[in-house]
Structure formats: structure tokens, C-alpha cells
């Protein structure tokens, strides 16, 4: 249980609200195939889930900035038509979001995924109504880091009391982004990061499951 009474919850999307592994990895597989890189094991592409995609193409495959931009374009070619909905909501998430609203908290999405895609996904799963605001990255790359996305969501919504705000996510980028904006972070272990990654990145608290997260935020 957390002693603080947070009023505003910022949630990551991939690996926190939905399990997007299939859609993201198939989109990456499609993009890499364009460059003659054949990846058959989708699990090997799991590290792409969470970080900004251009960074991942550079970091994991040594792409130049220009090549990473081209890969991102091919990724979106698949994702916008198929990968978007190769996705599922984590069990218990709907009830968790409803319970937080019942506790008079306000919910926001802060994702590195382009905002237009995040909105489509949440509308598709009929989760958009839970959120006061859905914020994400821009398609032109002008807002891509999690630090920038969190700052954007906080600024647009006038969230100035840092002690009342917490970021919930499954990767180190969520923890680092929260710290850079002076807010606490809860790391969740049911997504794509592990406890060592989350704690070393500055997680204030760790939740093993959606149920655990619910219990912590009483």
C-alpha cells in the first residue's frame, strides 16, 4: 500500500494497459524485412516494446538516422492497418480503471506511441472514456521521448502539484521520464520490463500484477 494519496494517474499504454506484443513485433518484423533482415522469432523483437522506435532501430540493428526513419515509415505501414489491433487489454484493467475513477482520481495516458494510434486503440477497446486526456508522441518526431510526453500531458492539463501525480509504466523509460519531471513512478511487472530494470531506473514502487496495483492505490 502507498502512503501518498495521488490524485492524478498517468499510465503508459503498451505493456501497462494493453499487451501489444504481437502487433508491435509483427510491425517491426515487416519493417526489417524491407531491408532484407528476416526475423522469424517474434520474441526476439520484444525489446522494441516501450522505447521510441527510431532509437530501437538504431540501437538494436545499427541503423543510421536516415535508415531508422525509413524503417519507422515501413513499421507504420503495417501497424496502421493490421498491427494496431493485434493487441489485447490486460485482464482486470477495465475494472482497475473504473475503480480509480470511483476513488475520484483522474486518469491520463502518457505513451511513446503516436497519439493518433493511442486514441484509436483505446477507442477500439472502449477504454477511452476512462481518461481525461490521451497524450502520446508526434508522427513527425518532434515529441518522442517519454520525458517529453509526460511533460506535455502535465502541461496541457495543468498538473502542477507534482506530489499529487504518479506515472505508471512497465519500462525504464517510464521511470526515467517520471523522475525527469519530478514525479513518482510505479513500475509494473506484468508488462515487458523486469524488477531490476525498473528499480535501477528509479521506480518509487513496484506492482507485480494489475490486482497488486489496485491494492497499492487504495
Protein backbone atom coordinates (compact mmCIF):
# COMPACT_ATOMS: atom_id res chain seq x y z
CA UNK A 1 0.00 0.00 0.00
CA UNK A 2 1.19 3.52 -0.85
CA UNK A 3 1.02 6.19 1.83
CA UNK A 4 0.60 9.07 -0.63
CA UNK A 5 -2.84 9.93 -1.98
CA UNK A 6 -2.21 10.56 -5.66
CA UNK A 7 -4.96 12.47 -7.44
CA UNK A 8 -3.66 12.12 -10.98
CA UNK A 9 -2.53 8.84 -12.55
CA UNK A 10 -0.52 8.87 -15.79
CA UNK A 11 -0.48 5.46 -17.47
CA UNK A 12 1.71 4.08 -20.19
CA UNK A 13 -0.17 2.16 -22.91
CA UNK A 14 1.95 -0.72 -24.29
CA UNK A 15 2.77 -3.20 -21.55
CA UNK A 16 0.69 -1.35 -18.97
CA UNK A 17 -2.89 -1.04 -20.26
CA UNK A 18 -2.67 -3.43 -23.22
CA UNK A 19 -0.49 -6.37 -24.22
CA UNK A 20 0.62 -5.15 -27.64
CA UNK A 21 3.44 -7.62 -28.19
CA UNK A 22 2.03 -9.28 -31.33
CA UNK A 23 1.17 -6.08 -33.21
CA UNK A 24 4.42 -4.27 -32.41
CA UNK A 25 6.72 -7.19 -33.12
CA UNK A 26 4.95 -8.07 -36.38
CA UNK A 27 5.25 -4.44 -37.47
CA UNK A 28 8.97 -4.46 -36.64
CA UNK A 29 9.36 -7.78 -38.47
CA UNK A 30 7.70 -6.24 -41.52
CA UNK A 31 9.95 -3.17 -41.39
CA UNK A 32 13.14 -5.21 -41.02
CA UNK A 33 12.07 -7.46 -43.90
CA UNK A 34 12.09 -4.39 -46.15
CA UNK A 35 15.85 -4.19 -45.51
CA UNK A 36 16.44 -7.89 -46.11
CA UNK A 37 16.58 -8.77 -42.42
CA UNK A 38 14.49 -11.89 -41.83
CA UNK A 39 13.38 -12.34 -38.21
CA UNK A 40 11.21 -15.38 -37.51
CA UNK A 41 11.24 -15.32 -33.70
CA UNK A 42 8.90 -12.50 -32.66
CA UNK A 43 10.03 -12.85 -29.04
CA UNK A 44 13.47 -11.59 -30.07
CA UNK A 45 11.83 -8.28 -31.01
CA UNK A 46 10.23 -7.71 -27.59
CA UNK A 47 12.86 -5.05 -26.67
CA UNK A 48 11.17 -2.79 -29.26
CA UNK A 49 8.12 -2.53 -26.99
CA UNK A 50 8.27 0.68 -24.99
CA UNK A 51 11.18 2.81 -26.22
CA UNK A 52 10.88 5.25 -29.14
CA UNK A 53 11.07 3.09 -32.27
CA UNK A 54 13.72 5.10 -34.13
CA UNK A 55 16.04 4.69 -31.15
CA UNK A 56 15.45 0.95 -31.16
CA UNK A 57 16.23 0.52 -34.86
CA UNK A 58 19.48 2.42 -34.26
CA UNK A 59 20.36 0.67 -31.00
CA UNK A 60 19.50 -2.92 -31.90
CA UNK A 61 20.33 -3.01 -35.63
CA UNK A 62 22.84 -0.19 -36.04
CA UNK A 63 20.65 1.77 -38.45
CA UNK A 64 21.69 5.29 -39.36
CA UNK A 65 19.24 8.10 -38.61
CA UNK A 66 18.11 8.09 -42.25
CA UNK A 67 17.66 4.31 -42.33
CA UNK A 68 15.85 4.34 -38.96
CA UNK A 69 13.44 6.94 -40.33
CA UNK A 70 12.75 4.73 -43.35
CA UNK A 71 12.26 1.71 -41.08
CA UNK A 72 9.80 3.69 -38.97
CA UNK A 73 7.84 4.52 -42.10
CA UNK A 74 7.63 0.83 -43.06
CA UNK A 75 6.68 -0.07 -39.47
CA UNK A 76 3.75 2.33 -39.60
CA UNK A 77 2.70 0.95 -42.99
CA UNK A 78 1.91 -2.38 -41.31
CA UNK A 79 0.90 -1.05 -37.93
CA UNK A 80 -1.73 1.40 -39.19
CA UNK A 81 -3.69 -1.31 -40.97
CA UNK A 82 -3.00 -4.53 -39.06
CA UNK A 83 -0.70 -4.22 -36.06
CA UNK A 84 -2.86 -1.61 -34.37
CA UNK A 85 -5.43 -4.19 -33.32
CA UNK A 86 -3.15 -7.22 -32.85
CA UNK A 87 -3.47 -6.34 -29.21
CA UNK A 88 -5.42 -7.21 -26.06
CA UNK A 89 -6.37 -5.47 -22.81
CA UNK A 90 -4.74 -6.91 -19.71
CA UNK A 91 -7.14 -8.90 -17.57
CA UNK A 92 -8.55 -6.75 -14.78
CA UNK A 93 -7.52 -3.46 -16.37
CA UNK A 94 -11.08 -2.33 -17.15
CA UNK A 95 -12.11 -2.87 -13.51
CA UNK A 96 -8.95 -1.15 -12.26
CA UNK A 97 -9.61 1.98 -14.33
CA UNK A 98 -13.24 2.08 -13.19
CA UNK A 99 -12.22 1.73 -9.54
CA UNK A 100 -9.75 4.62 -9.80
CA UNK A 101 -12.48 6.88 -11.18
CA UNK A 102 -14.73 5.78 -8.32
CA UNK A 103 -12.00 6.98 -5.96
CA UNK A 104 -12.26 10.38 -7.67
CA UNK A 105 -8.86 10.16 -9.29
CA UNK A 106 -8.23 11.48 -12.79
CA UNK A 107 -6.59 9.25 -15.39
CA UNK A 108 -4.31 10.22 -18.26
CA UNK A 109 -2.39 8.27 -20.90
CA UNK A 110 1.26 9.17 -21.49
CA UNK A 111 2.68 6.91 -24.20
CA UNK A 112 5.61 6.97 -26.62
CA UNK A 113 3.22 5.61 -29.24
CA UNK A 114 1.94 8.28 -31.65
CA UNK A 115 -1.07 9.94 -30.08
CA UNK A 116 -3.29 9.25 -33.09
CA UNK A 117 -2.68 5.48 -32.76
CA UNK A 118 -3.11 5.52 -28.97
CA UNK A 119 -6.51 7.14 -29.34
CA UNK A 120 -7.60 4.60 -31.98
CA UNK A 121 -6.56 1.67 -29.79
CA UNK A 122 -8.31 2.95 -26.67
CA UNK A 123 -11.45 3.76 -28.65
CA UNK A 124 -11.37 0.28 -30.21
CA UNK A 125 -11.29 -1.36 -26.78
CA UNK A 126 -13.82 1.14 -25.40
CA UNK A 127 -11.38 2.36 -22.76
CA UNK A 128 -11.07 5.96 -23.94
CA UNK A 129 -13.95 7.11 -21.72
CA UNK A 130 -11.91 6.47 -18.60
CA UNK A 131 -9.29 9.05 -19.49
CA UNK A 132 -9.35 12.80 -19.04
CA UNK A 133 -6.64 13.07 -21.71
CA UNK A 134 -4.76 10.71 -24.04
CA UNK A 135 -1.27 12.01 -24.80
CA UNK A 136 1.43 10.48 -26.97
CA UNK A 137 4.28 11.20 -29.32
CA UNK A 138 4.00 13.05 -32.62
CA UNK A 139 4.31 11.43 -36.03
CA UNK A 140 6.97 13.96 -37.07
CA UNK A 141 9.23 13.05 -34.13
CA UNK A 142 9.09 16.49 -32.51
CA UNK A 143 7.83 14.86 -29.29
CA UNK A 144 9.17 11.35 -28.88
CA UNK A 145 10.91 10.75 -25.54
CA UNK A 146 8.86 9.68 -22.53
CA UNK A 147 10.22 12.68 -20.63
CA UNK A 148 8.74 14.99 -23.28
CA UNK A 149 5.44 13.11 -23.42
CA UNK A 150 4.96 13.25 -19.65
CA UNK A 151 5.79 16.95 -19.58
CA UNK A 152 3.34 17.54 -22.44
CA UNK A 153 0.49 15.72 -20.66
CA UNK A 154 1.18 17.56 -17.41
CA UNK A 155 1.40 20.97 -19.10
CA UNK A 156 -1.73 20.56 -21.24
CA UNK A 157 -3.75 19.50 -18.20
CA UNK A 158 -2.28 21.96 -15.71
CA UNK A 159 -0.90 19.25 -13.42
CA UNK A 160 1.35 21.48 -11.33
CA UNK A 161 1.28 19.67 -7.98
CA UNK A 162 3.99 17.07 -8.56
CA UNK A 163 3.26 15.33 -5.25
CA UNK A 164 -0.24 14.51 -6.49
CA UNK A 165 0.91 12.94 -9.78
CA UNK A 166 2.31 9.45 -10.42
CA UNK A 167 3.44 7.71 -13.62
CA UNK A 168 2.58 4.00 -14.04
CA UNK A 169 4.57 2.03 -16.60
CA UNK A 170 6.48 -1.15 -17.35
CA UNK A 171 9.82 0.06 -18.76
CA UNK A 172 12.78 2.12 -17.59
CA UNK A 173 11.79 4.97 -19.91
CA UNK A 174 8.61 5.48 -17.86
CA UNK A 175 10.61 5.63 -14.63
CA UNK A 176 13.27 7.95 -16.02
CA UNK A 177 10.67 10.19 -17.66
CA UNK A 178 8.81 10.49 -14.37
CA UNK A 179 11.99 11.33 -12.47
CA UNK A 180 12.96 13.96 -15.04
CA UNK A 181 9.59 15.62 -14.45
CA UNK A 182 9.80 15.46 -10.66
CA UNK A 183 7.02 12.92 -10.10
CA UNK A 184 6.88 9.43 -8.56
CA UNK A 185 6.67 6.29 -10.67
CA UNK A 186 5.13 2.86 -10.16
CA UNK A 187 6.73 0.07 -12.17
CA UNK A 188 4.54 -2.88 -13.19
CA UNK A 189 5.99 -6.35 -13.69
CA UNK A 190 3.22 -7.83 -15.85
CA UNK A 191 4.47 -5.86 -18.88
CA UNK A 192 7.84 -6.02 -20.62
CA UNK A 193 10.35 -4.81 -18.04
CA UNK A 194 11.74 -6.64 -15.00
CA UNK A 195 12.23 -5.52 -11.43
CA UNK A 196 15.94 -4.82 -11.80
CA UNK A 197 15.33 -2.57 -14.80
CA UNK A 198 12.53 -0.66 -13.07
CA UNK A 199 14.25 -0.21 -9.72
CA UNK A 200 17.56 0.86 -11.25
CA UNK A 201 15.66 3.43 -13.34
CA UNK A 202 14.12 4.98 -10.22
CA UNK A 203 10.78 3.26 -9.63
CA UNK A 204 9.21 4.53 -6.41
CA UNK A 205 7.09 1.38 -6.08
CA UNK A 206 6.72 -1.98 -7.83
CA UNK A 207 3.42 -3.76 -8.61
CA UNK A 208 3.54 -7.40 -9.65
CA UNK A 209 0.06 -7.51 -11.20
CA UNK A 210 -2.98 -5.40 -12.02
CA UNK A 211 -4.51 -6.65 -8.77
CA UNK A 212 -1.39 -5.62 -6.86
CA UNK A 213 -1.56 -2.18 -8.46
CA UNK A 214 -5.19 -1.90 -7.36
CA UNK A 215 -4.29 -2.85 -3.80
CA UNK A 216 -1.46 -0.32 -3.67
CA UNK A 217 -3.68 2.56 -4.79
CA UNK A 218 -6.39 2.30 -2.14
